[in-house]
Amino acid sequence: MRKEGKPPRVHQAFVRRFPELGRAWDLAREAGQSGPLDEKTLHLVKLGVAFGALREGAVHSSVRKALAAGVSPDEIHQVIALAATTIGFPAAVAIYSWVADVVARRRGGRRAR
């Protein structure tokens, strides 16, 4: 299991191969973090965007970061429920399973079925 706060190995390899894109990625992240939203709200918004885009990798990453920042699984589940009427129920179930993957890994167990 990777240590929290350290990007996945594939991301690190990508940035080594494309350092300019890595710098652009950092600048975009910094721009998104500067503003009036508090840290918890930033994570909840990122979750909503990842959910709406149906990007499994972004969901996994956003959930890991949100949990590390103190967002509870119940709060993450509420965002799934909020998204369901916009993205559709099948997509919401898929997202629920992606979130469950991360929450279960964090707890060191198997995900709920």
Protein backbone atom coordinates (compact mmCIF):
# COMPACT_ATOMS: atom_id res chain seq x y z
CA MET A 1 0.00 0.00 0.00
CA ARG A 2 1.33 3.45 -0.82
CA LYS A 3 1.98 6.09 1.79
CA GLU A 4 -0.63 8.90 1.97
CA GLY A 5 0.47 12.17 0.47
CA LYS A 6 2.84 10.58 -2.02
CA PRO A 7 1.50 10.34 -5.58
CA PRO A 8 1.08 6.87 -7.10
CA ARG A 9 4.13 5.45 -8.89
CA VAL A 10 2.49 5.83 -12.29
CA HIS A 11 1.99 9.55 -11.66
CA GLN A 12 5.60 9.91 -10.56
CA ALA A 13 6.79 8.12 -13.72
CA PHE A 14 4.54 10.32 -15.87
CA VAL A 15 5.97 13.50 -14.33
CA ARG A 16 9.54 12.23 -14.79
CA ARG A 17 8.77 11.57 -18.46
CA PHE A 18 6.86 14.84 -18.97
CA PRO A 19 8.24 17.37 -16.45
CA GLU A 20 6.53 20.32 -18.15
CA LEU A 21 3.16 18.63 -17.76
CA GLY A 22 4.02 17.91 -14.13
CA ARG A 23 4.66 21.60 -13.52
CA ALA A 24 1.43 22.51 -15.33
CA TRP A 25 -0.42 19.97 -13.16
CA ASP A 26 1.03 21.57 -10.01
CA LEU A 27 0.10 25.07 -11.19
CA ALA A 28 -3.47 24.02 -11.98
CA ARG A 29 -3.79 22.37 -8.56
CA GLU A 30 -2.41 25.44 -6.81
CA ALA A 31 -4.81 27.73 -8.70
CA GLY A 32 -7.75 25.55 -7.65
CA GLN A 33 -6.71 25.66 -4.01
CA SER A 34 -6.32 29.43 -3.79
CA GLY A 35 -9.61 31.03 -2.85
CA PRO A 36 -12.21 31.25 -0.12
CA LEU A 37 -13.15 27.55 0.14
CA ASP A 38 -11.89 25.68 3.20
CA GLU A 39 -9.96 22.42 2.81
CA LYS A 40 -12.92 20.13 3.54
CA THR A 41 -15.11 21.93 0.99
CA LEU A 42 -12.33 21.71 -1.60
CA HIS A 43 -12.22 17.94 -1.15
CA LEU A 44 -15.99 17.58 -1.37
CA VAL A 45 -16.07 19.65 -4.57
CA LYS A 46 -13.25 17.55 -6.07
CA LEU A 47 -15.24 14.43 -5.20
CA GLY A 48 -18.32 15.82 -6.93
CA VAL A 49 -16.32 16.65 -10.06
CA ALA A 50 -14.68 13.21 -10.13
CA PHE A 51 -18.07 11.56 -9.63
CA GLY A 52 -19.71 13.61 -12.37
CA ALA A 53 -16.87 12.91 -14.80
CA LEU A 54 -17.11 9.16 -14.01
CA ARG A 55 -13.33 8.93 -13.73
CA GLU A 56 -12.53 5.91 -11.58
CA GLY A 57 -8.90 6.92 -11.00
CA ALA A 58 -9.92 10.45 -10.03
CA VAL A 59 -12.56 9.04 -7.67
CA HIS A 60 -9.99 6.78 -6.00
CA SER A 61 -7.50 9.63 -5.68
CA SER A 62 -10.08 12.14 -4.45
CA VAL A 63 -11.45 9.71 -1.87
CA ARG A 64 -7.95 8.91 -0.55
CA LYS A 65 -7.13 12.61 -0.24
CA ALA A 66 -10.50 13.48 1.30
CA LEU A 67 -10.24 10.75 3.94
CA ALA A 68 -6.69 11.84 4.77
CA ALA A 69 -7.98 15.41 5.22
CA GLY A 70 -10.65 14.28 7.69
CA VAL A 71 -13.69 13.94 5.43
CA SER A 72 -15.76 11.05 6.77
CA PRO A 73 -17.06 8.14 4.70
CA ASP A 74 -20.60 9.29 5.58
CA GLU A 75 -19.90 12.70 4.06
CA ILE A 76 -18.52 11.06 0.93
CA HIS A 77 -21.61 8.85 0.72
CA GLN A 78 -23.82 11.93 0.94
CA VAL A 79 -22.03 13.36 -2.11
CA ILE A 80 -22.80 10.10 -3.96
CA ALA A 81 -26.47 10.43 -3.01
CA LEU A 82 -26.51 14.06 -4.17
CA ALA A 83 -24.93 13.07 -7.49
CA ALA A 84 -27.30 10.16 -8.16
CA THR A 85 -30.16 12.20 -9.62
CA THR A 86 -27.80 14.03 -11.97
CA ILE A 87 -25.46 11.24 -13.11
CA GLY A 88 -28.03 8.42 -12.92
CA PHE A 89 -28.48 5.50 -10.62
CA PRO A 90 -26.23 3.00 -12.47
CA ALA A 91 -23.38 5.53 -12.42
CA ALA A 92 -24.00 6.24 -8.72
CA VAL A 93 -23.74 2.51 -7.96
CA ALA A 94 -20.46 2.32 -9.88
CA ILE A 95 -19.12 5.30 -7.96
CA TYR A 96 -20.26 3.74 -4.70
CA SER A 97 -18.19 0.65 -5.55
CA TRP A 98 -15.11 2.80 -6.37
CA VAL A 99 -15.47 4.62 -3.06
CA ALA A 100 -15.96 1.32 -1.23
CA ASP A 101 -12.66 0.05 -2.72
CA VAL A 102 -10.73 2.91 -1.13
CA VAL A 103 -12.59 2.92 2.19
CA ALA A 104 -12.08 -0.85 2.56
CA ARG A 105 -8.35 -0.58 1.77
CA ARG A 106 -8.03 2.18 4.34
CA ARG A 107 -9.68 -0.03 6.95
CA GLY A 108 -7.51 -2.96 5.90
CA GLY A 109 -10.42 -5.14 4.94
CA ARG A 110 -12.74 -6.12 2.17
CA ARG A 111 -15.31 -3.78 0.75
CA ALA A 112 -19.00 -4.08 1.49
CA ARG A 113 -21.04 -5.83 -1.18
